[in-house]
N, C-alpha and C. Protein backbone atom coordinates (compact mmCIF):
# COMPACT_ATOMS: atom_id res chain seq x y z
N MET A 1 59.51 -19.99 -57.08
CA MET A 1 60.16 -21.34 -55.97
C MET A 1 60.15 -20.52 -54.63
N ALA A 2 59.89 -21.07 -53.39
CA ALA A 2 59.83 -20.68 -52.42
C ALA A 2 61.35 -19.95 -51.69
N GLY A 3 61.11 -19.09 -50.75
CA GLY A 3 61.97 -18.65 -50.24
C GLY A 3 62.94 -19.41 -48.95
N ASP A 4 63.66 -18.89 -48.51
CA ASP A 4 64.20 -19.75 -47.10
C ASP A 4 63.86 -18.86 -46.08
N ILE A 5 63.84 -20.02 -45.10
CA ILE A 5 63.47 -19.53 -43.53
C ILE A 5 64.61 -18.09 -43.13
N ARG A 6 63.66 -17.06 -43.21
CA ARG A 6 64.52 -15.80 -42.87
C ARG A 6 64.11 -15.12 -41.54
N SER A 7 63.21 -15.45 -40.69
CA SER A 7 62.45 -14.52 -39.45
C SER A 7 61.70 -15.16 -38.96
N ARG A 8 61.29 -14.64 -37.44
CA ARG A 8 60.51 -15.00 -36.74
C ARG A 8 59.06 -15.54 -37.29
N GLU A 9 58.61 -14.96 -37.90
CA GLU A 9 57.57 -15.00 -38.97
C GLU A 9 57.49 -16.27 -40.00
N ASP A 10 58.75 -16.60 -39.93
CA ASP A 10 58.75 -17.88 -40.81
C ASP A 10 58.57 -18.92 -40.29
N VAL A 11 59.70 -18.91 -39.23
CA VAL A 11 59.52 -20.27 -38.04
C VAL A 11 58.35 -20.12 -37.68
N GLU A 12 57.46 -19.09 -37.06
CA GLU A 12 55.99 -19.48 -36.69
C GLU A 12 55.24 -20.14 -37.61
N ARG A 13 55.13 -19.71 -39.16
CA ARG A 13 54.47 -20.17 -40.11
C ARG A 13 54.76 -21.93 -40.26
N LEU A 14 56.45 -22.05 -40.21
CA LEU A 14 56.53 -23.51 -40.18
C LEU A 14 56.06 -24.17 -39.04
N VAL A 15 56.46 -23.83 -37.74
CA VAL A 15 56.04 -24.56 -36.56
C VAL A 15 54.32 -24.46 -36.39
N GLU A 16 53.25 -23.73 -36.77
CA GLU A 16 52.17 -23.78 -36.77
C GLU A 16 51.73 -24.62 -38.15
N SER A 17 52.33 -24.53 -39.17
CA SER A 17 51.73 -25.76 -40.21
C SER A 17 52.26 -27.13 -39.81
N PHE A 18 53.22 -27.16 -39.36
CA PHE A 18 53.69 -28.80 -39.02
C PHE A 18 53.04 -29.04 -37.81
N TYR A 19 52.15 -28.65 -36.90
CA TYR A 19 51.58 -28.93 -35.78
C TYR A 19 49.73 -29.37 -36.20
N ALA A 20 49.72 -28.63 -37.51
CA ALA A 20 48.42 -28.50 -37.94
C ALA A 20 48.37 -30.31 -38.58
N GLN A 21 49.31 -30.78 -39.21
CA GLN A 21 49.53 -31.91 -39.92
C GLN A 21 49.97 -33.16 -38.71
N ALA A 22 50.98 -32.47 -37.68
CA ALA A 22 51.22 -33.65 -36.71
C ALA A 22 50.21 -33.99 -35.88
N THR A 23 49.53 -32.92 -35.38
CA THR A 23 47.98 -33.41 -34.30
C THR A 23 47.04 -33.90 -35.11
N THR A 24 46.97 -34.12 -36.26
CA THR A 24 46.03 -34.93 -37.06
C THR A 24 46.62 -36.22 -37.20
N ASP A 25 47.64 -36.60 -37.28
CA ASP A 25 48.47 -37.50 -38.05
C ASP A 25 47.87 -39.03 -37.15
N ASP A 26 47.73 -39.93 -38.22
CA ASP A 26 47.21 -41.51 -37.28
C ASP A 26 48.39 -41.77 -36.46
N THR A 27 49.89 -41.69 -37.13
CA THR A 27 50.72 -42.62 -36.21
C THR A 27 51.24 -41.75 -34.94
N ILE A 28 51.14 -40.32 -35.28
CA ILE A 28 51.52 -39.42 -33.88
C ILE A 28 50.68 -38.50 -33.20
N GLY A 29 49.79 -37.99 -34.09
CA GLY A 29 48.38 -36.95 -33.58
C GLY A 29 47.99 -37.62 -31.90
N HIS A 30 47.77 -38.52 -31.64
CA HIS A 30 47.30 -39.13 -30.28
C HIS A 30 48.48 -38.66 -29.66
N LEU A 31 49.69 -38.65 -29.55
CA LEU A 31 50.82 -38.31 -28.74
C LEU A 31 50.31 -36.99 -28.00
N PHE A 32 49.91 -36.26 -28.96
CA PHE A 32 50.09 -34.45 -28.69
C PHE A 32 48.58 -34.31 -28.05
N THR A 33 47.73 -35.22 -28.39
CA THR A 33 46.30 -34.58 -28.29
C THR A 33 45.75 -35.28 -27.12
N ASP A 34 46.06 -36.40 -27.14
CA ASP A 34 45.38 -37.33 -26.26
C ASP A 34 46.21 -37.93 -24.98
N VAL A 35 47.52 -38.15 -25.06
CA VAL A 35 48.61 -38.43 -24.31
C VAL A 35 49.49 -37.35 -23.36
N ALA A 36 49.80 -36.37 -24.26
CA ALA A 36 50.55 -35.17 -23.39
C ALA A 36 49.75 -34.23 -23.16
N ARG A 37 48.29 -34.23 -23.98
CA ARG A 37 47.55 -32.75 -24.03
C ARG A 37 47.94 -31.81 -24.09
N VAL A 38 48.83 -31.53 -25.19
CA VAL A 38 49.30 -30.01 -25.29
C VAL A 38 48.84 -28.85 -25.37
N ASP A 39 49.37 -28.21 -24.49
CA ASP A 39 48.25 -26.53 -24.23
C ASP A 39 48.97 -25.80 -25.44
N PHE A 40 48.59 -25.74 -26.68
CA PHE A 40 49.17 -25.15 -27.98
C PHE A 40 49.33 -23.54 -27.67
N VAL A 41 48.29 -23.00 -26.90
CA VAL A 41 48.86 -21.89 -26.45
C VAL A 41 49.84 -21.41 -25.68
N ARG A 42 50.54 -22.44 -24.80
CA ARG A 42 51.77 -22.41 -24.18
C ARG A 42 52.84 -22.81 -25.41
N HIS A 43 52.64 -23.95 -25.90
CA HIS A 43 53.38 -24.70 -26.51
C HIS A 43 54.32 -24.08 -27.78
N LEU A 44 53.17 -23.65 -28.50
CA LEU A 44 53.89 -23.11 -29.89
C LEU A 44 55.01 -21.80 -29.57
N PRO A 45 54.74 -20.60 -28.62
CA PRO A 45 55.34 -20.17 -28.33
C PRO A 45 56.84 -20.45 -28.21
N LEU A 46 56.91 -21.48 -27.30
CA LEU A 46 58.19 -22.15 -26.93
C LEU A 46 59.00 -22.70 -28.01
N MET A 47 58.12 -23.59 -29.04
CA MET A 47 58.33 -24.11 -30.40
C MET A 47 58.78 -23.16 -31.34
N TYR A 48 58.48 -21.96 -30.86
CA TYR A 48 59.00 -20.45 -32.09
C TYR A 48 60.09 -20.45 -31.61
N ASP A 49 60.43 -20.19 -30.06
CA ASP A 49 61.60 -19.70 -29.38
C ASP A 49 62.72 -20.96 -29.81
N PHE A 50 62.13 -21.87 -29.67
CA PHE A 50 63.54 -23.02 -29.70
C PHE A 50 63.78 -23.21 -31.33
N TRP A 51 62.93 -23.21 -32.15
CA TRP A 51 63.76 -23.24 -33.70
C TRP A 51 64.24 -21.84 -34.02
N GLU A 52 63.97 -20.66 -33.52
CA GLU A 52 64.64 -19.39 -33.76
C GLU A 52 65.73 -19.68 -33.24
N THR A 53 66.04 -20.12 -32.43
CA THR A 53 67.49 -20.22 -31.23
C THR A 53 68.31 -21.39 -32.02
N LEU A 54 67.82 -22.43 -32.62
CA LEU A 54 68.45 -23.08 -33.46
C LEU A 54 69.10 -22.77 -34.57
N LEU A 55 67.78 -22.15 -35.23
CA LEU A 55 68.07 -21.66 -37.01
C LEU A 55 69.17 -20.30 -36.95
N PHE A 56 68.65 -19.40 -35.72
CA PHE A 56 69.36 -18.12 -35.63
C PHE A 56 70.33 -17.64 -34.71
N GLY A 57 70.45 -18.75 -33.74
CA GLY A 57 71.36 -18.33 -32.95
C GLY A 57 70.90 -17.33 -31.74
N VAL A 58 69.28 -17.03 -31.65
CA VAL A 58 69.22 -16.01 -30.67
C VAL A 58 69.16 -16.11 -29.59
N ARG A 59 69.36 -17.26 -28.97
CA ARG A 59 69.08 -17.87 -27.46
C ARG A 59 67.97 -17.44 -27.02
N LYS A 60 66.42 -17.57 -27.44
CA LYS A 60 65.30 -17.20 -26.72
C LYS A 60 64.93 -18.35 -26.28
N TYR A 61 65.37 -19.61 -26.27
CA TYR A 61 64.67 -20.91 -25.93
C TYR A 61 65.24 -21.27 -24.65
N ARG A 62 64.25 -21.69 -23.68
CA ARG A 62 65.10 -21.86 -22.20
C ARG A 62 64.59 -22.99 -21.55
N GLY A 63 63.70 -23.91 -22.12
CA GLY A 63 63.30 -24.94 -21.67
C GLY A 63 63.85 -26.00 -21.94
N ASN A 64 63.33 -27.08 -21.33
CA ASN A 64 64.10 -28.68 -21.24
C ASN A 64 63.37 -29.81 -22.10
N ALA A 65 63.76 -29.87 -23.81
CA ALA A 65 62.95 -30.47 -24.73
C ALA A 65 63.20 -32.17 -23.77
N MET A 66 64.66 -32.20 -23.68
CA MET A 66 64.53 -33.81 -23.21
C MET A 66 63.55 -34.29 -22.03
N ARG A 67 63.16 -33.30 -20.96
CA ARG A 67 62.31 -33.70 -20.07
C ARG A 67 61.08 -33.95 -20.24
N ALA A 68 60.77 -33.14 -21.40
CA ALA A 68 59.19 -33.16 -22.22
C ALA A 68 59.09 -34.45 -22.79
N HIS A 69 60.07 -34.96 -23.27
CA HIS A 69 60.09 -36.19 -23.82
C HIS A 69 60.07 -37.35 -23.15
N PHE A 70 60.91 -37.32 -21.93
CA PHE A 70 61.09 -38.24 -20.91
C PHE A 70 59.68 -38.67 -20.08
N ASP A 71 59.20 -37.31 -19.59
CA ASP A 71 58.08 -38.02 -19.65
C ASP A 71 56.87 -38.14 -20.49
N LEU A 72 56.71 -37.76 -21.73
CA LEU A 72 55.86 -38.34 -22.43
C LEU A 72 56.18 -39.92 -22.52
N ASN A 73 57.56 -40.20 -22.85
CA ASN A 73 57.89 -41.80 -22.93
C ASN A 73 57.35 -42.53 -21.58
N ASP A 74 57.33 -41.75 -20.51
CA ASP A 74 56.55 -42.69 -19.18
C ASP A 74 55.64 -42.93 -19.46
N LYS A 75 54.70 -42.38 -20.35
CA LYS A 75 53.13 -42.36 -20.51
C LYS A 75 52.95 -43.23 -21.40
N VAL A 76 53.71 -43.40 -22.53
CA VAL A 76 53.51 -44.27 -23.89
C VAL A 76 55.07 -44.31 -24.38
N PRO A 77 55.26 -45.29 -24.39
CA PRO A 77 56.97 -45.08 -25.00
C PRO A 77 57.11 -45.04 -26.24
N LEU A 78 58.07 -44.13 -26.24
CA LEU A 78 58.14 -43.52 -28.02
C LEU A 78 58.87 -44.49 -28.72
N VAL A 79 58.28 -44.91 -29.76
CA VAL A 79 59.13 -46.14 -30.61
C VAL A 79 59.74 -45.24 -32.00
N ALA A 80 60.61 -45.86 -32.33
CA ALA A 80 61.20 -45.45 -33.88
C ALA A 80 60.62 -45.09 -34.78
N GLU A 81 59.10 -45.77 -34.96
CA GLU A 81 58.08 -45.33 -35.72
C GLU A 81 57.43 -43.73 -35.64
N HIS A 82 57.24 -43.55 -34.21
CA HIS A 82 57.45 -42.07 -33.88
C HIS A 82 58.00 -41.53 -34.24
N PHE A 83 59.07 -41.56 -34.02
CA PHE A 83 60.57 -40.52 -34.44
C PHE A 83 60.27 -40.47 -36.03
N GLN A 84 60.23 -41.17 -36.61
CA GLN A 84 60.30 -41.28 -38.19
C GLN A 84 59.69 -40.63 -38.82
N ARG A 85 58.18 -40.75 -38.19
CA ARG A 85 56.96 -40.42 -38.50
C ARG A 85 56.85 -38.64 -38.52
N TRP A 86 57.77 -38.25 -37.27
CA TRP A 86 57.48 -36.76 -36.76
C TRP A 86 58.68 -36.00 -37.86
N LEU A 87 59.70 -36.51 -37.72
CA LEU A 87 60.43 -36.31 -39.07
C LEU A 87 59.96 -36.01 -40.57
N GLN A 88 59.30 -37.45 -40.75
CA GLN A 88 58.70 -37.00 -42.29
C GLN A 88 57.76 -35.90 -42.23
N ILE A 89 57.09 -35.47 -41.27
CA ILE A 89 56.19 -34.51 -41.48
C ILE A 89 57.19 -33.15 -41.33
N TRP A 90 57.69 -33.14 -40.39
CA TRP A 90 58.74 -31.81 -40.63
C TRP A 90 59.32 -31.75 -41.68
N GLU A 91 60.26 -32.55 -42.18
CA GLU A 91 60.89 -32.51 -43.54
C GLU A 91 59.96 -31.96 -44.42
N GLY A 92 58.90 -32.81 -44.50
CA GLY A 92 57.60 -32.41 -45.80
C GLY A 92 57.10 -31.05 -45.71
N THR A 93 56.74 -30.68 -44.24
CA THR A 93 56.54 -29.10 -44.11
C THR A 93 57.36 -27.98 -44.45
N VAL A 94 58.60 -28.46 -43.93
CA VAL A 94 59.93 -27.65 -44.41
C VAL A 94 59.64 -27.32 -46.46
N ASP A 95 60.16 -28.53 -46.78
CA ASP A 95 59.81 -28.80 -48.28
C ASP A 95 59.09 -27.91 -48.62
N ALA A 96 57.53 -28.24 -48.48
CA ALA A 96 56.21 -27.54 -48.82
C ALA A 96 56.43 -25.94 -48.52
N LEU A 97 56.87 -25.64 -47.83
CA LEU A 97 57.01 -23.84 -47.53
C LEU A 97 58.41 -23.23 -47.94
N PHE A 98 59.33 -23.62 -47.79
CA PHE A 98 60.68 -22.63 -47.59
C PHE A 98 61.57 -23.82 -49.07
N ALA A 99 62.88 -22.94 -49.16
CA ALA A 99 63.94 -23.86 -49.72
C ALA A 99 64.89 -22.68 -49.55
N GLY A 100 66.21 -23.39 -49.09
CA GLY A 100 67.07 -22.61 -49.26
C GLY A 100 68.38 -23.44 -47.79
N GLU A 101 69.12 -22.38 -47.33
CA GLU A 101 70.11 -22.83 -46.60
C GLU A 101 69.69 -23.00 -45.29
N ASN A 102 68.64 -21.97 -44.75
CA ASN A 102 67.93 -22.44 -42.99
C ASN A 102 67.09 -23.50 -43.15
N ALA A 103 66.33 -23.56 -44.87
CA ALA A 103 65.57 -24.79 -44.76
C ALA A 103 66.38 -26.01 -44.44
N GLU A 104 67.60 -26.11 -45.55
CA GLU A 104 68.18 -27.41 -45.50
C GLU A 104 68.90 -27.42 -43.93
N SER A 105 69.26 -26.62 -43.02
CA SER A 105 69.17 -26.31 -41.98
C SER A 105 68.30 -26.99 -40.66
N ALA A 106 67.02 -26.79 -40.78
CA ALA A 106 66.13 -27.26 -40.01
C ALA A 106 65.84 -28.35 -40.02
N LYS A 107 65.91 -28.88 -41.39
CA LYS A 107 65.49 -30.45 -41.68
C LYS A 107 66.88 -31.28 -40.91
N GLU A 108 68.25 -30.68 -41.50
CA GLU A 108 69.65 -31.33 -40.88
C GLU A 108 69.14 -31.38 -39.22
N LYS A 109 68.70 -30.00 -38.79
CA LYS A 109 68.71 -29.96 -36.94
C LYS A 109 67.64 -30.96 -36.94
N ALA A 110 66.62 -31.07 -37.43
CA ALA A 110 65.22 -32.17 -36.78
C ALA A 110 65.96 -33.49 -36.97
N ARG A 111 66.68 -33.89 -38.24
CA ARG A 111 67.23 -35.34 -37.80
C ARG A 111 68.17 -35.59 -36.70
N TYR A 112 68.98 -34.61 -36.42
CA TYR A 112 69.86 -34.78 -35.40
C TYR A 112 68.78 -34.87 -33.57
N ILE A 113 67.81 -34.06 -33.78
CA ILE A 113 67.11 -33.91 -32.81
C ILE A 113 66.27 -35.43 -32.75
N ALA A 114 65.94 -35.90 -33.78
CA ALA A 114 64.99 -36.97 -33.62
C ALA A 114 66.32 -38.51 -33.23
N ARG A 115 67.18 -38.49 -33.66
CA ARG A 115 67.94 -39.44 -33.32
C ARG A 115 68.62 -39.35 -31.72
N SER A 116 68.99 -38.16 -31.82
CA SER A 116 69.53 -37.69 -29.89
C SER A 116 68.45 -38.25 -29.08
N ILE A 117 67.24 -37.68 -29.17
CA ILE A 117 65.79 -38.26 -28.31
C ILE A 117 65.99 -39.67 -28.65
N GLN A 118 65.92 -39.85 -29.57
CA GLN A 118 65.67 -41.65 -29.15
C GLN A 118 66.71 -42.22 -29.04
N LEU A 119 67.92 -41.91 -29.19
CA LEU A 119 69.07 -42.87 -28.30
C LEU A 119 68.99 -42.70 -26.66
N ARG A 120 68.51 -41.76 -26.30
CA ARG A 120 68.66 -41.30 -25.15
C ARG A 120 67.41 -41.79 -24.29
N LEU A 121 66.30 -42.19 -24.85
CA LEU A 121 65.11 -42.40 -24.44
C LEU A 121 65.79 -43.95 -24.04
N SER A 122 66.30 -44.59 -25.35
CA SER A 122 66.46 -46.13 -25.25
C SER A 122 67.39 -46.15 -24.16
N ALA A 123 68.37 -45.07 -24.01
CA ALA A 123 69.61 -45.95 -23.25
C ALA A 123 68.91 -45.65 -21.70
N ALA A 124 68.16 -44.73 -21.54
CA ALA A 124 67.27 -44.65 -20.34
C ALA A 124 66.44 -45.67 -19.99
N THR A 125 65.90 -46.09 -21.02
CA THR A 125 64.83 -47.18 -20.63
C THR A 125 65.70 -48.42 -20.35
N ALA A 126 66.44 -48.76 -20.94
CA ALA A 126 67.65 -50.28 -20.90
C ALA A 126 67.97 -49.88 -19.29
N ALA A 127 68.19 -48.90 -18.84
CA ALA A 127 68.92 -48.40 -17.83
C ALA A 127 68.28 -48.86 -16.74
N ARG A 128 66.97 -48.88 -16.66
CA ARG A 128 65.87 -48.74 -15.63
C ARG A 128 66.22 -49.88 -14.54
N ILE A 129 65.78 -49.37 -13.71
CA ILE A 129 66.06 -50.97 -12.26
C ILE A 129 64.57 -51.28 -11.76
N ASP A 130 64.09 -52.49 -11.95
CA ASP A 130 62.87 -53.05 -11.63
C ASP A 130 62.78 -52.65 -10.11
N ASN A 131 61.68 -53.22 -9.35
CA ASN A 131 61.09 -53.10 -8.04
C ASN A 131 62.17 -53.43 -7.00
N ALA A 132 62.88 -54.80 -7.39
CA ALA A 132 63.72 -55.60 -6.50
C ALA A 132 65.37 -55.40 -6.40
N GLY A 133 65.45 -54.10 -7.47
CA GLY A 133 66.73 -53.46 -7.42
C GLY A 133 67.62 -54.03 -8.70
N THR A 134 66.83 -54.68 -9.65
CA THR A 134 67.66 -55.66 -10.22
C THR A 134 67.77 -54.82 -11.78
N PRO A 135 68.57 -54.60 -12.39
CA PRO A 135 68.63 -54.14 -13.64
C PRO A 135 67.84 -54.64 -14.85
N VAL A 136 67.14 -54.16 -15.30
CA VAL A 136 66.26 -54.39 -16.86
C VAL A 136 66.36 -54.24 -18.11
N GLY A 137 66.66 -55.33 -19.06
CA GLY A 137 66.58 -54.65 -20.30
C GLY A 137 67.39 -55.46 -21.07
N ILE A 138 67.87 -54.87 -22.35
CA ILE A 138 68.19 -55.91 -23.27
C ILE A 138 69.77 -55.56 -23.34
N GLY A 139 70.76 -56.00 -23.95
CA GLY A 139 72.44 -55.60 -24.36
C GLY A 139 73.19 -56.23 -23.48
N THR A 140 73.89 -55.47 -22.67
CA THR A 140 75.08 -55.70 -21.76
C THR A 140 74.70 -55.74 -20.30
N PHE A 141 72.98 -55.38 -19.96
CA PHE A 141 72.72 -55.44 -18.68
C PHE A 141 72.20 -56.46 -18.50
N PRO A 142 72.46 -57.19 -17.26
CA PRO A 142 72.06 -58.24 -16.85
C PRO A 142 70.81 -58.35 -16.22
N VAL A 143 69.84 -59.84 -16.59
CA VAL A 143 68.82 -59.72 -16.57
C VAL A 143 68.73 -61.21 -15.66
N ARG A 144 67.86 -60.92 -14.31
CA ARG A 144 67.81 -62.05 -13.31
C ARG A 144 66.45 -62.73 -14.14
N THR A 145 66.61 -64.31 -14.43
CA THR A 145 65.53 -64.77 -14.52
C THR A 145 64.73 -65.53 -13.06
N PRO A 146 63.82 -65.17 -12.66
CA PRO A 146 62.99 -66.19 -11.76
C PRO A 146 63.58 -67.24 -11.43
N GLY A 147 64.22 -67.71 -9.88
CA GLY A 147 64.89 -68.23 -9.63
C GLY A 147 65.95 -69.03 -10.34
N GLY A 148 66.73 -68.41 -10.99
CA GLY A 148 67.86 -68.74 -12.07
C GLY A 148 68.97 -67.30 -11.74
N PRO A 149 70.27 -67.71 -12.52
CA PRO A 149 71.29 -66.84 -12.34
C PRO A 149 70.76 -65.40 -13.21
N ALA A 150 71.90 -64.93 -13.12
CA ALA A 150 71.68 -63.32 -13.71
C ALA A 150 72.39 -64.20 -15.27
N VAL A 151 71.66 -63.47 -16.29
CA VAL A 151 72.26 -63.98 -17.88
C VAL A 151 72.47 -62.18 -18.10
N VAL A 152 73.19 -62.23 -19.46
CA VAL A 152 73.27 -61.33 -20.14
C VAL A 152 72.11 -61.50 -21.38
N GLY A 153 71.39 -60.56 -21.38
CA GLY A 153 70.15 -59.83 -21.99
C GLY A 153 70.72 -59.55 -23.81
């Protein structure tokens, strides 16, 4: 049986294995390689720090994960399918390599992250303003139709 995630080395193994799969995935691989053009020499140490901070509370990560995802979403809208696939690969990678309390925590935290980023991106997209200064989107935001009154979308 696989052991739990217990060290920085375990986090590195997990993150590297995840990205090896994610970057070649038909659904999300292009987001890393073609759209964001991730520099993995710089990115991987940030992700090691991110997950080490989340799992062990060591406070090494000092980045802004939301900013990176907002920037990516500006290039290619991130949709539910992207988040579902990211999570599926992450959880599969964790399960293939580790078992235990920290492994379960890594999956739980990833679920929270996926939901949180997806919700924040959706809210920001819905609240955007068009060039004429009119709110656009769906939900309770008014939408102006050409030549007509504002309606609730």
